[in-house]
Amino acid sequence: MQDLKKEYKRLVNSKEFKHKGFLSGAFIMSDIKSLDKSKWQIDFYNKKENKITTYLMDEKIEVTDNSEVFKEENAEIKELDIEEIKENLEEALKLGKEFLEKEKETPIKVVIILQKEDSAVWNLSYITEKFNLINIKIDAVDGKLLKETTAPLLSFKK
């Protein structure tokens, strides 16, 4: 899997980088079996325009500019400082794996989000073989487990 800090540096030094807004998050969605081949999506938020510029960190960086922002109406998008991240993704995934083993759950897919809440947070969401959605939030600065929830996927049906 790509190292996020290296990919961030590659991005900001690239000709594709648009220098719009601030770093607001990073994202991966993957099958568990192909996680090691996954590419980061890095998002920059332009507060003035209330738009997101997304960079898919493939061999060639792909840019999606001026996308709509998906957030709750009064939610504030906070700036993420990549240098404050001390707990790397591998350590966060270890905590996730321990929780899954304790719950006797086998993950099929994972969504990984690095975002700024009160501090930088690894937000791991697993879809499991038992059709559960397991969400684990880990402080990306000190590695502390902040929250863990399990909900059956069928409970989201209206």
N, C-alpha and C. Protein backbone atom coordinates (compact mmCIF):
# COMPACT_ATOMS: atom_id res chain seq x y z
N MET A 1 0.85 -1.18 0.00
CA MET A 1 0.00 0.00 0.00
C MET A 1 0.89 1.24 0.00
N GLN A 2 0.42 2.27 -0.64
CA GLN A 2 1.17 3.52 -0.72
C GLN A 2 1.31 4.17 0.66
N ASP A 3 2.46 4.77 0.91
CA ASP A 3 2.67 5.55 2.13
C ASP A 3 2.02 6.92 1.92
N LEU A 4 1.09 7.27 2.79
CA LEU A 4 0.31 8.49 2.60
C LEU A 4 1.19 9.75 2.62
N LYS A 5 2.11 9.85 3.55
CA LYS A 5 2.94 11.05 3.62
C LYS A 5 3.79 11.21 2.35
N LYS A 6 4.32 10.10 1.82
CA LYS A 6 5.09 10.17 0.57
C LYS A 6 4.20 10.59 -0.60
N GLU A 7 3.00 10.04 -0.63
CA GLU A 7 2.07 10.38 -1.71
C GLU A 7 1.65 11.85 -1.62
N TYR A 8 1.46 12.35 -0.41
CA TYR A 8 1.12 13.76 -0.21
C TYR A 8 2.25 14.64 -0.76
N LYS A 9 3.48 14.32 -0.42
CA LYS A 9 4.63 15.11 -0.90
C LYS A 9 4.74 15.02 -2.42
N ARG A 10 4.51 13.82 -2.96
CA ARG A 10 4.55 13.67 -4.42
C ARG A 10 3.49 14.56 -5.07
N LEU A 11 2.31 14.60 -4.44
CA LEU A 11 1.22 15.42 -4.98
C LEU A 11 1.57 16.91 -4.97
N VAL A 12 1.95 17.44 -3.82
CA VAL A 12 2.17 18.90 -3.73
C VAL A 12 3.36 19.36 -4.56
N ASN A 13 4.23 18.44 -4.95
CA ASN A 13 5.36 18.79 -5.81
C ASN A 13 5.09 18.48 -7.29
N SER A 14 3.87 18.06 -7.60
CA SER A 14 3.55 17.65 -8.97
C SER A 14 2.98 18.82 -9.78
N LYS A 15 3.01 18.67 -11.11
CA LYS A 15 2.41 19.67 -11.99
C LYS A 15 0.88 19.62 -11.93
N GLU A 16 0.33 18.50 -11.47
CA GLU A 16 -1.14 18.35 -11.40
C GLU A 16 -1.75 19.11 -10.22
N PHE A 17 -0.93 19.40 -9.20
CA PHE A 17 -1.46 20.04 -7.99
C PHE A 17 -1.93 21.45 -8.29
N LYS A 18 -3.17 21.77 -7.88
CA LYS A 18 -3.80 23.04 -8.23
C LYS A 18 -3.69 24.13 -7.15
N HIS A 19 -3.11 23.81 -6.01
CA HIS A 19 -2.94 24.79 -4.93
C HIS A 19 -4.25 25.48 -4.56
N LYS A 20 -5.32 24.72 -4.52
CA LYS A 20 -6.62 25.25 -4.13
C LYS A 20 -7.02 24.68 -2.79
N GLY A 21 -7.29 25.54 -1.82
CA GLY A 21 -7.81 25.08 -0.54
C GLY A 21 -6.77 24.42 0.34
N PHE A 22 -7.27 23.64 1.32
CA PHE A 22 -6.39 22.96 2.27
C PHE A 22 -6.68 21.47 2.29
N LEU A 23 -5.70 20.71 2.78
CA LEU A 23 -5.86 19.26 2.90
C LEU A 23 -7.00 18.97 3.87
N SER A 24 -8.00 18.24 3.39
CA SER A 24 -9.15 17.94 4.25
C SER A 24 -9.30 16.45 4.55
N GLY A 25 -8.64 15.60 3.79
CA GLY A 25 -8.76 14.18 4.08
C GLY A 25 -8.09 13.32 3.05
N ALA A 26 -8.02 12.03 3.39
CA ALA A 26 -7.50 11.02 2.49
C ALA A 26 -8.39 9.80 2.61
N PHE A 27 -8.49 9.03 1.54
CA PHE A 27 -9.53 8.01 1.45
C PHE A 27 -9.03 6.81 0.63
N ILE A 28 -9.39 5.63 1.08
CA ILE A 28 -9.21 4.39 0.31
C ILE A 28 -10.47 3.54 0.51
N MET A 29 -10.97 2.95 -0.57
CA MET A 29 -12.02 1.94 -0.46
C MET A 29 -11.52 0.72 -1.23
N SER A 30 -11.56 -0.45 -0.57
CA SER A 30 -10.93 -1.61 -1.18
C SER A 30 -11.53 -2.91 -0.68
N ASP A 31 -11.42 -3.94 -1.53
CA ASP A 31 -11.62 -5.30 -1.05
C ASP A 31 -10.45 -5.59 -0.13
N ILE A 32 -10.67 -6.37 0.91
CA ILE A 32 -9.60 -6.70 1.85
C ILE A 32 -8.43 -7.35 1.12
N LYS A 33 -8.73 -8.26 0.19
CA LYS A 33 -7.68 -9.01 -0.49
C LYS A 33 -6.79 -8.14 -1.37
N SER A 34 -7.28 -6.99 -1.81
CA SER A 34 -6.46 -6.14 -2.69
C SER A 34 -6.06 -4.83 -2.03
N LEU A 35 -6.17 -4.75 -0.71
CA LEU A 35 -5.84 -3.52 0.02
C LEU A 35 -4.41 -3.07 -0.24
N ASP A 36 -3.50 -4.02 -0.33
CA ASP A 36 -2.09 -3.65 -0.52
C ASP A 36 -1.83 -3.01 -1.88
N LYS A 37 -2.77 -3.11 -2.82
CA LYS A 37 -2.62 -2.49 -4.15
C LYS A 37 -3.43 -1.20 -4.26
N SER A 38 -4.10 -0.81 -3.21
CA SER A 38 -4.99 0.35 -3.24
C SER A 38 -4.22 1.66 -3.36
N LYS A 39 -4.88 2.62 -3.98
CA LYS A 39 -4.30 3.95 -4.20
C LYS A 39 -5.05 4.97 -3.35
N TRP A 40 -4.30 5.91 -2.79
CA TRP A 40 -4.91 6.97 -2.00
C TRP A 40 -5.67 7.94 -2.88
N GLN A 41 -6.76 8.43 -2.35
CA GLN A 41 -7.47 9.58 -2.89
C GLN A 41 -7.24 10.68 -1.86
N ILE A 42 -6.68 11.81 -2.29
CA ILE A 42 -6.36 12.90 -1.37
C ILE A 42 -7.23 14.10 -1.74
N ASP A 43 -7.93 14.65 -0.73
CA ASP A 43 -8.90 15.72 -0.95
C ASP A 43 -8.43 17.04 -0.37
N PHE A 44 -8.64 18.10 -1.15
CA PHE A 44 -8.39 19.47 -0.71
C PHE A 44 -9.70 20.24 -0.77
N TYR A 45 -10.00 20.95 0.30
CA TYR A 45 -11.25 21.70 0.42
C TYR A 45 -10.99 23.18 0.19
N ASN A 46 -11.77 23.76 -0.73
CA ASN A 46 -11.72 25.19 -1.01
C ASN A 46 -12.92 25.83 -0.31
N LYS A 47 -12.65 26.45 0.83
CA LYS A 47 -13.73 27.00 1.66
C LYS A 47 -14.50 28.10 0.94
N LYS A 48 -13.78 28.94 0.21
CA LYS A 48 -14.42 30.07 -0.48
C LYS A 48 -15.47 29.59 -1.47
N GLU A 49 -15.16 28.52 -2.20
CA GLU A 49 -16.08 27.98 -3.21
C GLU A 49 -16.93 26.83 -2.67
N ASN A 50 -16.60 26.35 -1.47
CA ASN A 50 -17.27 25.19 -0.88
C ASN A 50 -17.23 23.99 -1.84
N LYS A 51 -16.03 23.73 -2.37
CA LYS A 51 -15.82 22.65 -3.32
C LYS A 51 -14.59 21.84 -2.91
N ILE A 52 -14.54 20.60 -3.39
CA ILE A 52 -13.43 19.69 -3.13
C ILE A 52 -12.68 19.42 -4.43
N THR A 53 -11.36 19.43 -4.35
CA THR A 53 -10.53 18.93 -5.45
C THR A 53 -9.93 17.61 -4.96
N THR A 54 -10.12 16.57 -5.77
CA THR A 54 -9.68 15.22 -5.41
C THR A 54 -8.56 14.78 -6.34
N TYR A 55 -7.54 14.18 -5.73
CA TYR A 55 -6.40 13.66 -6.48
C TYR A 55 -6.31 12.16 -6.23
N LEU A 56 -6.43 11.37 -7.29
CA LEU A 56 -6.24 9.92 -7.18
C LEU A 56 -4.78 9.64 -7.48
N MET A 57 -4.10 9.07 -6.49
CA MET A 57 -2.65 8.92 -6.54
C MET A 57 -2.23 7.63 -7.24
N ASP A 58 -2.51 7.57 -8.53
CA ASP A 58 -2.07 6.45 -9.35
C ASP A 58 -0.68 6.79 -9.89
N GLU A 59 -0.16 5.95 -10.80
CA GLU A 59 1.14 6.28 -11.40
C GLU A 59 1.09 7.69 -11.96
N LYS A 60 0.02 7.97 -12.72
CA LYS A 60 -0.25 9.33 -13.17
C LYS A 60 -1.35 9.86 -12.25
N ILE A 61 -1.16 11.02 -11.69
CA ILE A 61 -2.13 11.59 -10.76
C ILE A 61 -3.36 12.05 -11.54
N GLU A 62 -4.54 11.56 -11.14
CA GLU A 62 -5.80 11.97 -11.76
C GLU A 62 -6.47 13.01 -10.88
N VAL A 63 -6.98 14.07 -11.51
CA VAL A 63 -7.56 15.19 -10.77
C VAL A 63 -9.05 15.32 -11.09
N THR A 64 -9.86 15.46 -10.05
CA THR A 64 -11.27 15.81 -10.19
C THR A 64 -11.45 17.12 -9.45
N ASP A 65 -11.77 18.16 -10.19
CA ASP A 65 -11.81 19.51 -9.63
C ASP A 65 -13.25 19.96 -9.38
N ASN A 66 -13.43 20.77 -8.34
CA ASN A 66 -14.70 21.44 -8.03
C ASN A 66 -15.88 20.49 -7.83
N SER A 67 -15.66 19.44 -7.06
CA SER A 67 -16.75 18.52 -6.72
C SER A 67 -17.57 19.08 -5.56
N GLU A 68 -18.82 18.67 -5.52
CA GLU A 68 -19.70 19.07 -4.42
C GLU A 68 -19.19 18.44 -3.12
N VAL A 69 -19.45 19.10 -2.02
CA VAL A 69 -19.04 18.64 -0.70
C VAL A 69 -20.18 17.85 -0.07
N PHE A 70 -19.89 16.64 0.40
CA PHE A 70 -20.89 15.83 1.10
C PHE A 70 -20.63 15.97 2.59
N LYS A 71 -21.49 16.75 3.26
CA LYS A 71 -21.35 16.95 4.70
C LYS A 71 -22.70 17.36 5.25
N GLU A 72 -22.85 17.20 6.56
CA GLU A 72 -24.07 17.67 7.20
C GLU A 72 -24.11 19.19 7.08
N GLU A 73 -25.30 19.74 7.07
CA GLU A 73 -25.48 21.16 6.75
C GLU A 73 -24.58 22.10 7.53
N ASN A 74 -24.49 21.95 8.84
CA ASN A 74 -23.70 22.88 9.65
C ASN A 74 -22.32 22.34 10.02
N ALA A 75 -21.95 21.22 9.44
CA ALA A 75 -20.65 20.62 9.76
C ALA A 75 -19.53 21.45 9.15
N GLU A 76 -18.45 21.58 9.91
CA GLU A 76 -17.29 22.33 9.43
C GLU A 76 -16.22 21.35 8.96
N ILE A 77 -15.68 21.61 7.79
CA ILE A 77 -14.57 20.80 7.29
C ILE A 77 -13.30 21.43 7.84
N LYS A 78 -12.52 20.60 8.54
CA LYS A 78 -11.32 21.10 9.21
C LYS A 78 -10.07 20.73 8.43
N GLU A 79 -9.06 21.56 8.57
CA GLU A 79 -7.80 21.32 7.89
C GLU A 79 -7.02 20.21 8.58
N LEU A 80 -6.53 19.30 7.79
CA LEU A 80 -5.74 18.18 8.28
C LEU A 80 -4.26 18.50 8.07
N ASP A 81 -3.48 18.42 9.15
CA ASP A 81 -2.04 18.64 9.06
C ASP A 81 -1.36 17.28 8.96
N ILE A 82 -0.83 16.97 7.79
CA ILE A 82 -0.23 15.66 7.54
C ILE A 82 0.94 15.39 8.49
N GLU A 83 1.60 16.44 8.95
CA GLU A 83 2.76 16.27 9.82
C GLU A 83 2.38 15.88 11.25
N GLU A 84 1.12 16.09 11.64
CA GLU A 84 0.73 15.70 13.01
C GLU A 84 0.40 14.21 13.11
N ILE A 85 0.34 13.51 11.97
CA ILE A 85 0.03 12.08 11.97
C ILE A 85 1.25 11.32 12.48
N LYS A 86 1.11 10.72 13.64
CA LYS A 86 2.19 9.92 14.23
C LYS A 86 1.87 8.43 14.16
N GLU A 87 0.59 8.11 14.22
CA GLU A 87 0.13 6.72 14.17
C GLU A 87 -0.14 6.38 12.71
N ASN A 88 0.69 5.51 12.12
CA ASN A 88 0.51 5.23 10.70
C ASN A 88 -0.66 4.27 10.47
N LEU A 89 -1.03 4.14 9.22
CA LEU A 89 -2.18 3.32 8.87
C LEU A 89 -1.99 1.86 9.27
N GLU A 90 -0.79 1.34 9.12
CA GLU A 90 -0.55 -0.07 9.46
C GLU A 90 -0.89 -0.34 10.93
N GLU A 91 -0.52 0.58 11.81
CA GLU A 91 -0.85 0.43 13.24
C GLU A 91 -2.36 0.51 13.46
N ALA A 92 -3.03 1.42 12.77
CA ALA A 92 -4.48 1.53 12.90
C ALA A 92 -5.15 0.24 12.40
N LEU A 93 -4.66 -0.30 11.29
CA LEU A 93 -5.23 -1.54 10.76
C LEU A 93 -5.02 -2.72 11.71
N LYS A 94 -3.90 -2.72 12.45
CA LYS A 94 -3.67 -3.77 13.46
C LYS A 94 -4.75 -3.71 14.53
N LEU A 95 -5.06 -2.51 15.00
CA LEU A 95 -6.13 -2.36 15.99
C LEU A 95 -7.47 -2.84 15.42
N GLY A 96 -7.71 -2.48 14.16
CA GLY A 96 -8.94 -2.93 13.51
C GLY A 96 -9.00 -4.45 13.43
N LYS A 97 -7.89 -5.08 13.06
CA LYS A 97 -7.84 -6.53 12.96
C LYS A 97 -8.09 -7.19 14.31
N GLU A 98 -7.49 -6.63 15.37
CA GLU A 98 -7.71 -7.18 16.71
C GLU A 98 -9.18 -7.11 17.11
N PHE A 99 -9.83 -5.99 16.80
CA PHE A 99 -11.24 -5.86 17.13
C PHE A 99 -12.07 -6.86 16.33
N LEU A 100 -11.77 -6.99 15.04
CA LEU A 100 -12.51 -7.94 14.20
C LEU A 100 -12.36 -9.37 14.72
N GLU A 101 -11.14 -9.75 15.11
CA GLU A 101 -10.90 -11.09 15.64
C GLU A 101 -11.66 -11.31 16.94
N LYS A 102 -11.66 -10.30 17.80
CA LYS A 102 -12.38 -10.39 19.08
C LYS A 102 -13.88 -10.59 18.84
N GLU A 103 -14.40 -9.93 17.82
CA GLU A 103 -15.83 -10.03 17.49
C GLU A 103 -16.15 -11.23 16.59
N LYS A 104 -15.10 -11.99 16.22
CA LYS A 104 -15.25 -13.13 15.32
C LYS A 104 -15.89 -12.72 13.99
N GLU A 105 -15.38 -11.63 13.45
CA GLU A 105 -15.86 -11.10 12.18
C GLU A 105 -14.76 -11.21 11.13
N THR A 106 -15.16 -11.51 9.90
CA THR A 106 -14.23 -11.58 8.77
C THR A 106 -14.57 -10.46 7.80
N PRO A 107 -13.64 -9.53 7.60
CA PRO A 107 -13.94 -8.40 6.71
C PRO A 107 -13.88 -8.80 5.24
N ILE A 108 -14.74 -8.16 4.44
CA ILE A 108 -14.75 -8.33 3.00
C ILE A 108 -14.23 -7.06 2.33
N LYS A 109 -14.74 -5.93 2.79
CA LYS A 109 -14.34 -4.63 2.25
C LYS A 109 -13.97 -3.70 3.39
N VAL A 110 -13.16 -2.70 3.05
CA VAL A 110 -12.80 -1.69 4.04
C VAL A 110 -12.81 -0.31 3.38
N VAL A 111 -13.27 0.65 4.14
CA VAL A 111 -13.18 2.05 3.76
C VAL A 111 -12.30 2.71 4.82
N ILE A 112 -11.25 3.35 4.36
CA ILE A 112 -10.31 4.02 5.26
C ILE A 112 -10.36 5.51 4.98
N ILE A 113 -10.61 6.28 6.01
CA ILE A 113 -10.64 7.73 5.87
C ILE A 113 -9.73 8.33 6.93
N LEU A 114 -8.88 9.23 6.52
CA LEU A 114 -8.11 10.05 7.46
C LEU A 114 -8.72 11.43 7.38
N GLN A 115 -9.17 11.93 8.53
CA GLN A 115 -9.86 13.22 8.55
C GLN A 115 -9.56 13.93 9.85
N LYS A 116 -9.89 15.20 9.89
CA LYS A 116 -9.70 15.99 11.09
C LYS A 116 -11.05 16.12 11.78
N GLU A 117 -11.10 15.64 13.02
CA GLU A 117 -12.27 15.88 13.88
C GLU A 117 -11.77 16.81 14.98
N ASP A 118 -11.77 16.37 16.24
CA ASP A 118 -11.09 17.16 17.28
C ASP A 118 -9.58 17.09 17.07
N SER A 119 -9.14 15.92 16.63
CA SER A 119 -7.74 15.74 16.20
C SER A 119 -7.80 14.92 14.92
N ALA A 120 -6.65 14.56 14.37
CA ALA A 120 -6.63 13.71 13.19
C ALA A 120 -7.10 12.32 13.58
N VAL A 121 -7.94 11.71 12.75
CA VAL A 121 -8.57 10.44 13.08
C VAL A 121 -8.51 9.49 11.89
N TRP A 122 -8.10 8.24 12.18
CA TRP A 122 -8.27 7.15 11.23
C TRP A 122 -9.67 6.61 11.44
N ASN A 123 -10.48 6.64 10.41
CA ASN A 123 -11.85 6.15 10.47
C ASN A 123 -11.92 4.91 9.57
N LEU A 124 -11.98 3.73 10.19
CA LEU A 124 -11.99 2.46 9.46
C LEU A 124 -13.40 1.87 9.50
N SER A 125 -13.96 1.60 8.33
CA SER A 125 -15.28 0.98 8.25
C SER A 125 -15.16 -0.33 7.47
N TYR A 126 -15.55 -1.42 8.11
CA TYR A 126 -15.44 -2.75 7.51
C TYR A 126 -16.84 -3.30 7.22
N ILE A 127 -17.00 -3.88 6.04
CA ILE A 127 -18.18 -4.69 5.75
C ILE A 127 -17.72 -6.14 5.91
N THR A 128 -18.47 -6.91 6.70
CA THR A 128 -18.03 -8.26 7.05
C THR A 128 -18.88 -9.33 6.37
N GLU A 129 -18.38 -10.56 6.46
CA GLU A 129 -19.10 -11.72 5.89
C GLU A 129 -20.47 -11.91 6.53
N LYS A 130 -20.63 -11.46 7.77
CA LYS A 130 -21.91 -11.58 8.47
C LYS A 130 -22.84 -10.41 8.16
N PHE A 131 -22.48 -9.60 7.17
CA PHE A 131 -23.25 -8.43 6.76
C PHE A 131 -23.40 -7.41 7.88
N ASN A 132 -22.30 -7.21 8.59
CA ASN A 132 -22.24 -6.15 9.59
C ASN A 132 -21.35 -5.03 9.08
N LEU A 133 -21.62 -3.84 9.57
CA LEU A 133 -20.76 -2.69 9.32
C LEU A 133 -20.08 -2.38 10.65
N ILE A 134 -18.77 -2.52 10.66
CA ILE A 134 -18.00 -2.24 11.87
C ILE A 134 -17.19 -0.98 11.61
N ASN A 135 -17.36 -0.01 12.50
CA ASN A 135 -16.64 1.25 12.37
C ASN A 135 -15.74 1.43 13.58
N ILE A 136 -14.49 1.75 13.30
CA ILE A 136 -13.49 1.95 14.34
C ILE A 136 -12.80 3.28 14.08
N LYS A 137 -12.76 4.12 15.11
CA LYS A 137 -12.07 5.41 15.00
C LYS A 137 -10.87 5.39 15.93
N ILE A 138 -9.71 5.77 15.37
CA ILE A 138 -8.45 5.74 16.10
C ILE A 138 -7.77 7.10 15.97
N ASP A 139 -7.34 7.64 17.08
CA ASP A 139 -6.61 8.92 17.05
C ASP A 139 -5.32 8.72 16.27
N ALA A 140 -5.12 9.52 15.23
CA ALA A 140 -3.96 9.36 14.35
C ALA A 140 -2.70 10.00 14.93
N VAL A 141 -2.85 10.69 16.07
CA VAL A 141 -1.70 11.31 16.72
C VAL A 141 -1.13 10.38 17.79
N ASP A 142 -2.00 9.86 18.67
CA ASP A 142 -1.51 9.04 19.78
C ASP A 142 -1.89 7.56 19.70
N GLY A 143 -2.69 7.18 18.70
CA GLY A 143 -3.03 5.77 18.50
C GLY A 143 -4.10 5.22 19.42
N LYS A 144 -4.76 6.08 20.19
CA LYS A 144 -5.81 5.61 21.11
C LYS A 144 -7.09 5.29 20.35
N LEU A 145 -7.73 4.21 20.77
CA LEU A 145 -9.03 3.83 20.23
C LEU A 145 -10.06 4.84 20.74
N LEU A 146 -10.76 5.50 19.82
CA LEU A 146 -11.74 6.51 20.21
C LEU A 146 -13.15 5.96 20.25
N LYS A 147 -13.46 5.06 19.30
CA LYS A 147 -14.85 4.60 19.20
C LYS A 147 -14.87 3.33 18.37
N GLU A 148 -15.76 2.43 18.72
CA GLU A 148 -16.01 1.24 17.90
C GLU A 148 -17.50 0.94 17.93
N THR A 149 -18.06 0.72 16.75
CA THR A 149 -19.49 0.41 16.67
C THR A 149 -19.69 -0.73 15.67
N THR A 150 -20.73 -1.51 15.93
CA THR A 150 -21.12 -2.58 15.02
C THR A 150 -22.61 -2.44 14.77
N ALA A 151 -22.98 -2.50 13.49
CA ALA A 151 -24.39 -2.43 13.13
C ALA A 151 -24.65 -3.38 11.97
N PRO A 152 -25.77 -4.10 12.00
CA PRO A 152 -26.10 -4.96 10.87
C PRO A 152 -26.40 -4.07 9.64
N LEU A 153 -25.87 -4.45 8.49
CA LEU A 153 -26.13 -3.68 7.27
C LEU A 153 -27.61 -3.58 6.96
N LEU A 154 -28.34 -4.63 7.29
CA LEU A 154 -29.78 -4.63 7.00
C LEU A 154 -30.54 -3.61 7.83
N SER A 155 -29.92 -3.11 8.91
CA SER A 155 -30.59 -2.10 9.74
C SER A 155 -30.65 -0.75 9.05
N PHE A 156 -29.90 -0.57 7.95
CA PHE A 156 -29.92 0.70 7.23
C PHE A 156 -31.08 0.77 6.24
N LYS A 157 -31.77 -0.35 6.05
CA LYS A 157 -32.92 -0.38 5.13
C LYS A 157 -34.08 0.37 5.76
N LYS A 158 -34.77 1.16 4.94
CA LYS A 158 -35.93 1.91 5.45
C LYS A 158 -37.20 1.13 5.24
